[in-house]
PDB file of N, CA and C in Angstrom:
ATOM      1  N   MET A   1       5.151 142.813  52.977  1.00  0.00           N
ATOM      2  CA  MET A   1       6.310 142.035  52.250  1.00  0.00           C
ATOM      3  C   MET A   1       8.001 141.996  52.670  1.00  0.00           C
ATOM      4  N   LEU A   2       7.959 143.043  52.312  1.00  0.00           N
ATOM      5  CA  LEU A   2       8.828 143.910  52.670  1.00  0.00           C
ATOM      6  C   LEU A   2       9.940 143.360  54.240  1.00  0.00           C
ATOM      7  N   ALA A   3       8.975 143.144  55.467  1.00  0.00           N
ATOM      8  CA  ALA A   3       9.393 142.619  56.492  1.00  0.00           C
ATOM      9  C   ALA A   3       9.472 141.391  57.132  1.00  0.00           C
ATOM     10  N   LYS A   4       8.985 140.597  55.905  1.00  0.00           N
ATOM     11  CA  LYS A   4       8.913 139.401  55.942  1.00  0.00           C
ATOM     12  C   LYS A   4      10.580 138.846  55.354  1.00  0.00           C
ATOM     13  N   ILE A   5      10.403 139.053  53.815  1.00  0.00           N
ATOM     14  CA  ILE A   5      12.049 139.147  53.575  1.00  0.00           C
ATOM     15  C   ILE A   5      13.013 139.738  54.317  1.00  0.00           C
ATOM     16  N   LEU A   6      13.369 140.717  55.395  1.00  0.00           N
ATOM     17  CA  LEU A   6      14.267 141.025  55.802  1.00  0.00           C
ATOM     18  C   LEU A   6      14.488 140.480  57.059  1.00  0.00           C
ATOM     19  N   ILE A   7      13.407 139.729  57.942  1.00  0.00           N
ATOM     20  CA  ILE A   7      13.786 138.415  58.351  1.00  0.00           C
ATOM     21  C   ILE A   7      13.625 137.209  58.107  1.00  0.00           C
ATOM     22  N   LEU A   8      13.798 136.993  56.649  1.00  0.00           N
ATOM     23  CA  LEU A   8      13.844 135.759  56.826  1.00  0.00           C
ATOM     24  C   LEU A   8      15.848 135.834  56.101  1.00  0.00           C
ATOM     25  N   ALA A   9      16.193 137.121  55.876  1.00  0.00           N
ATOM     26  CA  ALA A   9      17.695 137.124  55.315  1.00  0.00           C
ATOM     27  C   ALA A   9      18.252 136.947  57.085  1.00  0.00           C
ATOM     28  N   THR A  10      17.543 137.376  57.936  1.00  0.00           N
ATOM     29  CA  THR A  10      19.052 138.078  58.955  1.00  0.00           C
ATOM     30  C   THR A  10      18.390 136.600  59.612  1.00  0.00           C
ATOM     31  N   LEU A  11      17.565 135.418  59.412  1.00  0.00           N
ATOM     32  CA  LEU A  11      17.367 134.167  60.252  1.00  0.00           C
ATOM     33  C   LEU A  11      18.027 133.652  59.219  1.00  0.00           C
ATOM     34  N   ALA A  12      18.447 133.748  57.873  1.00  0.00           N
ATOM     35  CA  ALA A  12      19.308 132.261  57.265  1.00  0.00           C
ATOM     36  C   ALA A  12      21.034 132.955  58.057  1.00  0.00           C
ATOM     37  N   LEU A  13      21.300 134.517  57.727  1.00  0.00           N
ATOM     38  CA  LEU A  13      22.620 134.824  58.289  1.00  0.00           C
ATOM     39  C   LEU A  13      22.877 134.411  59.854  1.00  0.00           C
ATOM     40  N   ILE A  14      21.842 134.656  60.511  1.00  0.00           N
ATOM     41  CA  ILE A  14      21.940 133.985  62.094  1.00  0.00           C
ATOM     42  C   ILE A  14      22.710 132.259  61.783  1.00  0.00           C
ATOM     43  N   LEU A  15      21.886 131.394  60.711  1.00  0.00           N
ATOM     44  CA  LEU A  15      22.239 130.224  60.878  1.00  0.00           C
ATOM     45  C   LEU A  15      24.089 129.449  60.110  1.00  0.00           C
ATOM     46  N   VAL A  16      23.566 130.608  58.956  1.00  0.00           N
ATOM     47  CA  VAL A  16      25.248 130.581  58.461  1.00  0.00           C
ATOM     48  C   VAL A  16      26.346 130.965  59.273  1.00  0.00           C
ATOM     49  N   SER A  17      26.135 132.074  60.652  1.00  0.00           N
ATOM     50  CA  SER A  17      27.083 132.661  61.323  1.00  0.00           C
ATOM     51  C   SER A  17      27.052 131.320  62.275  1.00  0.00           C
ATOM     52  N   LEU A  18      25.643 130.422  62.635  1.00  0.00           N
ATOM     53  CA  LEU A  18      25.971 129.410  63.566  1.00  0.00           C
ATOM     54  C   LEU A  18      26.431 128.243  63.152  1.00  0.00           C
ATOM     55  N   PHE A  19      26.861 128.321  61.779  1.00  0.00           N
ATOM     56  CA  PHE A  19      27.264 126.617  61.331  1.00  0.00           C
ATOM     57  C   PHE A  19      28.429 126.853  60.886  1.00  0.00           C
ATOM     58  N   SER A  20      28.672 128.084  60.796  1.00  0.00           N
ATOM     59  CA  SER A  20      30.536 128.378  60.992  1.00  0.00           C
ATOM     60  C   SER A  20      31.416 128.197  61.677  1.00  0.00           C
ATOM     61  N   ALA A  21      30.772 128.651  63.029  1.00  0.00           N
ATOM     62  CA  ALA A  21      31.460 128.579  63.279  1.00  0.00           C
ATOM     63  C   ALA A  21      31.092 126.980  64.141  1.00  0.00           C
ATOM     64  N   LEU A  22      30.514 126.107  63.727  1.00  0.00           N
ATOM     65  CA  LEU A  22      30.504 124.795  64.444  1.00  0.00           C
ATOM     66  C   LEU A  22      31.203 124.202  62.815  1.00  0.00           C
ATOM     67  N   ALA A  23      31.304 125.166  62.759  1.00  0.00           N
ATOM     68  CA  ALA A  23      32.550 124.155  60.831  1.00  0.00           C
ATOM     69  C   ALA A  23      33.963 124.236  61.496  1.00  0.00           C
ATOM     70  N   MET A  24      34.268 125.196  61.982  1.00  0.00           N
ATOM     71  CA  MET A  24      36.007 126.061  62.281  1.00  0.00           C
ATOM     72  C   MET A  24      35.783 125.738  63.530  1.00  0.00           C
ATOM     73  N   LEU A  25      34.896 124.885  64.625  1.00  0.00           N
ATOM     74  CA  LEU A  25      35.238 124.755  66.181  1.00  0.00           C
ATOM     75  C   LEU A  25      35.474 122.956  65.352  1.00  0.00           C
ATOM     76  N   PHE A  26      35.450 121.989  64.617  1.00  0.00           N
ATOM     77  CA  PHE A  26      35.791 121.307  64.032  1.00  0.00           C
ATOM     78  C   PHE A  26      37.421 120.845  63.306  1.00  0.00           C
ATOM     79  N   LYS A  27      37.657 121.883  62.533  1.00  0.00           N
ATOM     80  CA  LYS A  27      38.594 121.088  61.938  1.00  0.00           C
ATOM     81  C   LYS A  27      39.933 121.764  63.638  1.00  0.00           C
ATOM     82  N   ASN A  28      39.873 122.555  63.704  1.00  0.00           N
ATOM     83  CA  ASN A  28      41.849 123.018  64.213  1.00  0.00           C
ATOM     84  C   ASN A  28      41.514 122.983  65.804  1.00  0.00           C
ATOM     85  N   ASP A  29      42.673 122.884  66.590  1.00  0.00           N
ATOM     86  CA  ASP A  29      42.225 123.425  68.322  1.00  0.00           C
ATOM     87  C   ASP A  29      43.593 124.241  68.354  1.00  0.00           C
ATOM     88  N   ASP A  30      43.946 124.648  67.122  1.00  0.00           N
ATOM     89  CA  ASP A  30      43.977 126.355  66.689  1.00  0.00           C
ATOM     90  C   ASP A  30      43.423 127.216  67.704  1.00  0.00           C
ATOM     91  N   GLN A  31      44.395 128.076  68.005  1.00  0.00           N
ATOM     92  CA  GLN A  31      43.673 129.709  68.777  1.00  0.00           C
ATOM     93  C   GLN A  31      43.608 129.993  68.481  1.00  0.00           C
ATOM     94  N   ALA A  32      44.256 130.372  67.519  1.00  0.00           N
ATOM     95  CA  ALA A  32      43.712 131.071  66.348  1.00  0.00           C
ATOM     96  C   ALA A  32      42.480 131.024  65.652  1.00  0.00           C
ATOM     97  N   LYS A  33      41.380 129.411  65.851  1.00  0.00           N
ATOM     98  CA  LYS A  33      41.149 129.759  65.297  1.00  0.00           C
ATOM     99  C   LYS A  33      39.571 129.855  65.950  1.00  0.00           C
ATOM    100  N   ARG A  34      40.205 129.013  67.087  1.00  0.00           N
ATOM    101  CA  ARG A  34      38.946 129.643  68.436  1.00  0.00           C
ATOM    102  C   ARG A  34      38.951 131.195  68.968  1.00  0.00           C
ATOM    103  N   LYS A  35      40.051 131.692  68.594  1.00  0.00           N
ATOM    104  CA  LYS A  35      39.269 133.601  67.839  1.00  0.00           C
ATOM    105  C   LYS A  35      38.131 133.124  67.459  1.00  0.00           C
ATOM    106  N   LEU A  36      38.061 132.863  65.934  1.00  0.00           N
ATOM    107  CA  LEU A  36      37.249 132.888  65.109  1.00  0.00           C
ATOM    108  C   LEU A  36      35.946 132.081  65.311  1.00  0.00           C
ATOM    109  N   VAL A  37      35.463 131.655  66.230  1.00  0.00           N
ATOM    110  CA  VAL A  37      34.403 130.642  66.684  1.00  0.00           C
ATOM    111  C   VAL A  37      34.046 131.319  67.574  1.00  0.00           C
ATOM    112  N   VAL A  38      34.760 132.088  68.538  1.00  0.00           N
ATOM    113  CA  VAL A  38      33.512 132.970  69.651  1.00  0.00           C
ATOM    114  C   VAL A  38      33.683 134.381  68.817  1.00  0.00           C
ATOM    115  N   GLN A  39      34.438 134.713  67.559  1.00  0.00           N
ATOM    116  CA  GLN A  39      33.603 136.323  66.926  1.00  0.00           C
ATOM    117  C   GLN A  39      32.830 135.345  66.016  1.00  0.00           C
ATOM    118  N   ALA A  40      32.536 134.405  65.216  1.00  0.00           N
ATOM    119  CA  ALA A  40      31.404 134.278  64.445  1.00  0.00           C
ATOM    120  C   ALA A  40      29.615 133.824  65.552  1.00  0.00           C
ATOM    121  N   LEU A  41      30.417 133.404  67.015  1.00  0.00           N
ATOM    122  CA  LEU A  41      28.476 132.974  67.977  1.00  0.00           C
ATOM    123  C   LEU A  41      28.884 134.431  68.296  1.00  0.00           C
ATOM    124  N   THR A  42      29.704 135.105  68.491  1.00  0.00           N
ATOM    125  CA  THR A  42      29.560 136.515  68.655  1.00  0.00           C
ATOM    126  C   THR A  42      28.138 137.392  67.574  1.00  0.00           C
ATOM    127  N   VAL A  43      28.825 137.608  66.732  1.00  0.00           N
ATOM    128  CA  VAL A  43      27.937 137.693  65.427  1.00  0.00           C
ATOM    129  C   VAL A  43      26.168 137.065  65.833  1.00  0.00           C
ATOM    130  N   ARG A  44      26.891 136.010  65.397  1.00  0.00           N
ATOM    131  CA  ARG A  44      24.865 135.380  65.845  1.00  0.00           C
ATOM    132  C   ARG A  44      24.275 136.259  66.505  1.00  0.00           C
ATOM    133  N   ILE A  45      24.128 136.177  68.057  1.00  0.00           N
ATOM    134  CA  ILE A  45      23.902 136.568  69.513  1.00  0.00           C
ATOM    135  C   ILE A  45      23.967 137.814  69.281  1.00  0.00           C
ATOM    136  N   GLY A  46      24.275 139.374  68.436  1.00  0.00           N
ATOM    137  CA  GLY A  46      24.022 140.153  67.777  1.00  0.00           C
ATOM    138  C   GLY A  46      22.884 140.070  66.784  1.00  0.00           C
ATOM    139  N   LEU A  47      23.093 139.668  65.469  1.00  0.00           N
ATOM    140  CA  LEU A  47      22.185 139.773  64.755  1.00  0.00           C
ATOM    141  C   LEU A  47      20.578 138.719  65.737  1.00  0.00           C
ATOM    142  N   SER A  48      20.788 137.879  66.707  1.00  0.00           N
ATOM    143  CA  SER A  48      19.709 137.599  67.187  1.00  0.00           C
ATOM    144  C   SER A  48      18.943 139.072  67.932  1.00  0.00           C
ATOM    145  N   ILE A  49      19.893 139.635  68.677  1.00  0.00           N
ATOM    146  CA  ILE A  49      19.699 140.459  69.708  1.00  0.00           C
ATOM    147  C   ILE A  49      18.892 141.350  68.519  1.00  0.00           C
ATOM    148  N   ALA A  50      19.248 141.587  67.666  1.00  0.00           N
ATOM    149  CA  ALA A  50      18.890 143.299  66.476  1.00  0.00           C
ATOM    150  C   ALA A  50      17.635 142.291  66.066  1.00  0.00           C
ATOM    151  N   LEU A  51      16.874 140.776  65.963  1.00  0.00           N
ATOM    152  CA  LEU A  51      16.361 140.493  64.985  1.00  0.00           C
ATOM    153  C   LEU A  51      14.751 140.817  65.640  1.00  0.00           C
ATOM    154  N   PHE A  52      14.980 140.331  67.345  1.00  0.00           N
ATOM    155  CA  PHE A  52      14.895 140.375  68.254  1.00  0.00           C
ATOM    156  C   PHE A  52      13.584 142.183  68.656  1.00  0.00           C
ATOM    157  N   LEU A  53      14.712 142.475  69.053  1.00  0.00           N
ATOM    158  CA  LEU A  53      14.783 143.773  68.539  1.00  0.00           C
ATOM    159  C   LEU A  53      13.794 145.107  67.567  1.00  0.00           C
ATOM    160  N   VAL A  54      13.798 143.984  66.656  1.00  0.00           N
ATOM    161  CA  VAL A  54      13.497 144.779  65.618  1.00  0.00           C
ATOM    162  C   VAL A  54      11.946 144.021  65.024  1.00  0.00           C
ATOM    163  N   LEU A  55      11.907 142.966  65.671  1.00  0.00           N
ATOM    164  CA  LEU A  55      10.132 142.087  65.570  1.00  0.00           C
ATOM    165  C   LEU A  55       9.464 143.232  66.780  1.00  0.00           C
ATOM    166  N   ILE A  56       9.803 143.264  67.987  1.00  0.00           N
ATOM    167  CA  ILE A  56       8.808 143.778  68.903  1.00  0.00           C
ATOM    168  C   ILE A  56       9.217 145.464  68.450  1.00  0.00           C
ATOM    169  N   ALA A  57       9.747 146.310  67.892  1.00  0.00           N
ATOM    170  CA  ALA A  57       9.535 147.689  66.913  1.00  0.00           C
ATOM    171  C   ALA A  57       8.561 147.333  66.156  1.00  0.00           C
ATOM    172  N   SER A  58       9.276 146.810  65.771  1.00  0.00           N
ATOM    173  CA  SER A  58       7.931 146.514  64.375  1.00  0.00           C
ATOM    174  C   SER A  58       6.011 146.665  64.922  1.00  0.00           C
ATOM    175  N   PHE A  59       6.358 145.544  65.889  1.00  0.00           N
ATOM    176  CA  PHE A  59       4.772 145.301  66.371  1.00  0.00           C
ATOM    177  C   PHE A  59       4.907 146.242  66.681  1.00  0.00           C
ATOM    178  N   TYR A  60       5.547 146.885  67.601  1.00  0.00           N
ATOM    179  CA  TYR A  60       5.383 148.574  67.831  1.00  0.00           C
ATOM    180  C   TYR A  60       4.509 149.755  67.779  1.00  0.00           C
ATOM    181  N   PHE A  61       5.087 149.556  66.006  1.00  0.00           N
ATOM    182  CA  PHE A  61       4.611 150.774  66.062  1.00  0.00           C
ATOM    183  C   PHE A  61       3.366 150.086  64.055  1.00  0.00           C
ATOM    184  N   GLY A  62       3.437 148.945  64.473  1.00  0.00           N
ATOM    185  CA  GLY A  62       1.915 148.245  63.410  1.00  0.00           C
ATOM    186  C   GLY A  62       2.041 147.938  62.701  1.00  0.00           C
ATOM    187  N   LEU A  63       3.430 147.781  61.807  1.00  0.00           N
ATOM    188  CA  LEU A  63       4.708 147.120  60.652  1.00  0.00           C
ATOM    189  C   LEU A  63       4.024 146.058  60.866  1.00  0.00           C
ATOM    190  N   ILE A  64       3.226 144.578  61.445  1.00  0.00           N
ATOM    191  CA  ILE A  64       3.628 143.568  61.666  1.00  0.00           C
ATOM    192  C   ILE A  64       2.237 143.254  62.669  1.00  0.00           C
ATOM    193  N   PRO A  65       1.069 143.311  61.777  1.00  0.00           N
ATOM    194  CA  PRO A  65      -0.454 143.715  62.887  1.00  0.00           C
ATOM    195  C   PRO A  65      -0.525 141.656  63.874  1.00  0.00           C
ATOM    196  N   GLY A  66      -1.074 142.774  64.911  1.00  0.00           N
ATOM    197  CA  GLY A  66      -1.380 141.555  66.097  1.00  0.00           C
ATOM    198  C   GLY A  66      -2.230 140.717  65.097  1.00  0.00           C
ATOM    199  N   ARG A  67      -2.456 139.139  65.944  1.00  0.00           N
ATOM    200  CA  ARG A  67      -3.626 138.159  65.957  1.00  0.00           C
ATOM    201  C   ARG A  67      -4.777 138.590  66.719  1.00  0.00           C
ATOM    202  N   GLY A  68      -5.667 138.947  66.389  1.00  0.00           N
ATOM    203  CA  GLY A  68      -7.223 138.977  66.959  1.00  0.00           C
ATOM    204  C   GLY A  68      -7.875 140.386  66.786  1.00  0.00           C
TER     205      GLY A  68
END
């Protein structure tokens, strides 16, 4: 149950990062805002890769059972 909560929380953080970057992108064309957009998208990519690696490790160590 804890694994499901952590996975859903990470997915929520990924979506928050994605939509915050979208909001900053449409607000201004200022160079400082572009850096914030890049940082938000970098955080999203980092969270996505981390989630993917955690899912693979959880499956490998048997924390997430396979089908069949």
